[in-house]
Amino acid sequence: MKKLILSLAVMGMVLTACGSDDDAGFDCVASSQDISAKLTAFIEDDSNANCLAYRASLQSFVDNGCSGEQAAQFQAALDDLDCN
């Protein structure tokens, strides 16, 4: 149930990504789409490899500072994600 709630929250955040958040060549919209694809793969198959790929996508978005609010939400998702 926790994974479902986390997934729905992240999907909502991904869908609200703003195209004007391009920071030094990093494409935040493409990153959001990548997060969405990785989340879908992880939901369909919660393997460790899919978890790690999803986590890496989230981390990339956060590290590149696409959006203050979204970065905080994605950081919270990262903090709750256990890939072990």
C-alpha atoms as a PDB file:
ATOM      1  CA  MET A   1       0.000   0.000   0.000  1.00  0.00           C
ATOM      2  CA  LYS A   2       2.851   2.382   0.845  1.00  0.00           C
ATOM      3  CA  LYS A   3       4.391   1.759  -2.597  1.00  0.00           C
ATOM      4  CA  LEU A   4       1.054   2.551  -4.280  1.00  0.00           C
ATOM      5  CA  ILE A   5       0.654   5.824  -2.384  1.00  0.00           C
ATOM      6  CA  LEU A   6       4.264   6.787  -3.080  1.00  0.00           C
ATOM      7  CA  SER A   7       3.818   5.895  -6.741  1.00  0.00           C
ATOM      8  CA  LEU A   8       0.678   7.975  -7.121  1.00  0.00           C
ATOM      9  CA  ALA A   9       2.292  10.940  -5.403  1.00  0.00           C
ATOM     10  CA  VAL A  10       5.376  10.771  -7.589  1.00  0.00           C
ATOM     11  CA  MET A  11       3.310  10.390 -10.762  1.00  0.00           C
ATOM     12  CA  GLY A  12       1.401  13.540  -9.832  1.00  0.00           C
ATOM     13  CA  MET A  13       4.651  15.399  -9.299  1.00  0.00           C
ATOM     14  CA  VAL A  14       6.105  14.148 -12.560  1.00  0.00           C
ATOM     15  CA  LEU A  15       3.105  15.280 -14.538  1.00  0.00           C
ATOM     16  CA  THR A  16       3.415  18.836 -13.190  1.00  0.00           C
ATOM     17  CA  ALA A  17       7.005  19.363 -14.338  1.00  0.00           C
ATOM     18  CA  CYS A  18       7.538  22.752 -15.927  1.00  0.00           C
ATOM     19  CA  GLY A  19       9.355  23.138 -19.232  1.00  0.00           C
ATOM     20  CA  SER A  20      10.957  26.433 -18.158  1.00  0.00           C
ATOM     21  CA  ASP A  21      13.078  24.746 -15.499  1.00  0.00           C
ATOM     22  CA  ASP A  22      15.986  24.032 -17.855  1.00  0.00           C
ATOM     23  CA  ASP A  23      19.130  24.555 -15.768  1.00  0.00           C
ATOM     24  CA  ALA A  24      22.475  24.707 -17.605  1.00  0.00           C
ATOM     25  CA  GLY A  25      21.389  22.327 -20.327  1.00  0.00           C
ATOM     26  CA  PHE A  26      19.720  19.749 -18.103  1.00  0.00           C
ATOM     27  CA  ASP A  27      16.281  18.928 -19.503  1.00  0.00           C
ATOM     28  CA  CYS A  28      13.913  18.751 -16.547  1.00  0.00           C
ATOM     29  CA  VAL A  29      10.938  17.728 -18.670  1.00  0.00           C
ATOM     30  CA  ALA A  30      12.868  14.809 -20.164  1.00  0.00           C
ATOM     31  CA  SER A  31      14.033  13.899 -16.668  1.00  0.00           C
ATOM     32  CA  SER A  32      10.431  13.897 -15.434  1.00  0.00           C
ATOM     33  CA  GLN A  33       9.437  11.652 -18.317  1.00  0.00           C
ATOM     34  CA  ASP A  34      12.328   9.347 -17.464  1.00  0.00           C
ATOM     35  CA  ILE A  35      11.190   9.223 -13.831  1.00  0.00           C
ATOM     36  CA  SER A  36       7.695   8.323 -14.994  1.00  0.00           C
ATOM     37  CA  ALA A  37       8.995   5.520 -17.223  1.00  0.00           C
ATOM     38  CA  LYS A  38      11.256   4.161 -14.488  1.00  0.00           C
ATOM     39  CA  LEU A  39       8.427   4.315 -11.957  1.00  0.00           C
ATOM     40  CA  THR A  40       6.135   2.413 -14.299  1.00  0.00           C
ATOM     41  CA  ALA A  41       8.792  -0.258 -14.805  1.00  0.00           C
ATOM     42  CA  PHE A  42       9.329  -0.489 -11.051  1.00  0.00           C
ATOM     43  CA  ILE A  43       5.600  -0.817 -10.362  1.00  0.00           C
ATOM     44  CA  GLU A  44       5.278  -3.560 -12.967  1.00  0.00           C
ATOM     45  CA  ASP A  45       8.385  -5.400 -11.724  1.00  0.00           C
ATOM     46  CA  ASP A  46       9.685  -4.365  -8.317  1.00  0.00           C
ATOM     47  CA  SER A  47      13.103  -5.892  -8.916  1.00  0.00           C
ATOM     48  CA  ASN A  48      16.196  -4.409  -7.330  1.00  0.00           C
ATOM     49  CA  ALA A  49      17.451  -3.324 -10.772  1.00  0.00           C
ATOM     50  CA  ASN A  50      14.243  -1.370 -11.460  1.00  0.00           C
ATOM     51  CA  CYS A  51      14.360   0.169  -8.000  1.00  0.00           C
ATOM     52  CA  LEU A  52      17.937   1.318  -8.523  1.00  0.00           C
ATOM     53  CA  ALA A  53      17.093   2.762 -11.958  1.00  0.00           C
ATOM     54  CA  TYR A  54      14.108   4.638 -10.507  1.00  0.00           C
ATOM     55  CA  ARG A  55      16.221   5.941  -7.625  1.00  0.00           C
ATOM     56  CA  ALA A  56      18.941   7.124 -10.026  1.00  0.00           C
ATOM     57  CA  SER A  57      16.377   9.047 -12.082  1.00  0.00           C
ATOM     58  CA  LEU A  58      14.965  10.713  -8.988  1.00  0.00           C
ATOM     59  CA  GLN A  59      18.459  11.574  -7.769  1.00  0.00           C
ATOM     60  CA  SER A  60      19.394  13.098 -11.115  1.00  0.00           C
ATOM     61  CA  PHE A  61      16.327  15.359 -11.038  1.00  0.00           C
ATOM     62  CA  VAL A  62      17.075  16.468  -7.476  1.00  0.00           C
ATOM     63  CA  ASP A  63      20.799  16.990  -8.102  1.00  0.00           C
ATOM     64  CA  ASN A  64      20.140  19.228 -11.094  1.00  0.00           C
ATOM     65  CA  GLY A  65      17.778  21.509  -9.163  1.00  0.00           C
ATOM     66  CA  CYS A  66      14.908  21.491 -11.636  1.00  0.00           C
ATOM     67  CA  SER A  67      12.325  22.824  -9.220  1.00  0.00           C
ATOM     68  CA  GLY A  68      12.499  23.687  -5.550  1.00  0.00           C
ATOM     69  CA  GLU A  69       9.128  22.204  -4.658  1.00  0.00           C
ATOM     70  CA  GLN A  70       9.457  19.179  -6.914  1.00  0.00           C
ATOM     71  CA  ALA A  71      13.028  18.605  -5.792  1.00  0.00           C
ATOM     72  CA  ALA A  72      11.828  18.499  -2.186  1.00  0.00           C
ATOM     73  CA  GLN A  73       9.048  16.069  -3.087  1.00  0.00           C
ATOM     74  CA  PHE A  74      11.405  13.860  -5.072  1.00  0.00           C
ATOM     75  CA  GLN A  75      13.911  13.970  -2.218  1.00  0.00           C
ATOM     76  CA  ALA A  76      11.155  12.749   0.105  1.00  0.00           C
ATOM     77  CA  ALA A  77      10.409   9.924  -2.345  1.00  0.00           C
ATOM     78  CA  LEU A  78      14.126   9.063  -2.370  1.00  0.00           C
ATOM     79  CA  ASP A  79      14.225   9.037   1.409  1.00  0.00           C
ATOM     80  CA  ASP A  80      11.297   6.594   1.504  1.00  0.00           C
ATOM     81  CA  LEU A  81      12.594   4.350  -1.283  1.00  0.00           C
ATOM     82  CA  ASP A  82      14.269   1.176  -0.072  1.00  0.00           C
ATOM     83  CA  CYS A  83      16.046  -0.714  -2.847  1.00  0.00           C
ATOM     84  CA  ASN A  84      17.448  -3.443  -0.621  1.00  0.00           C
END
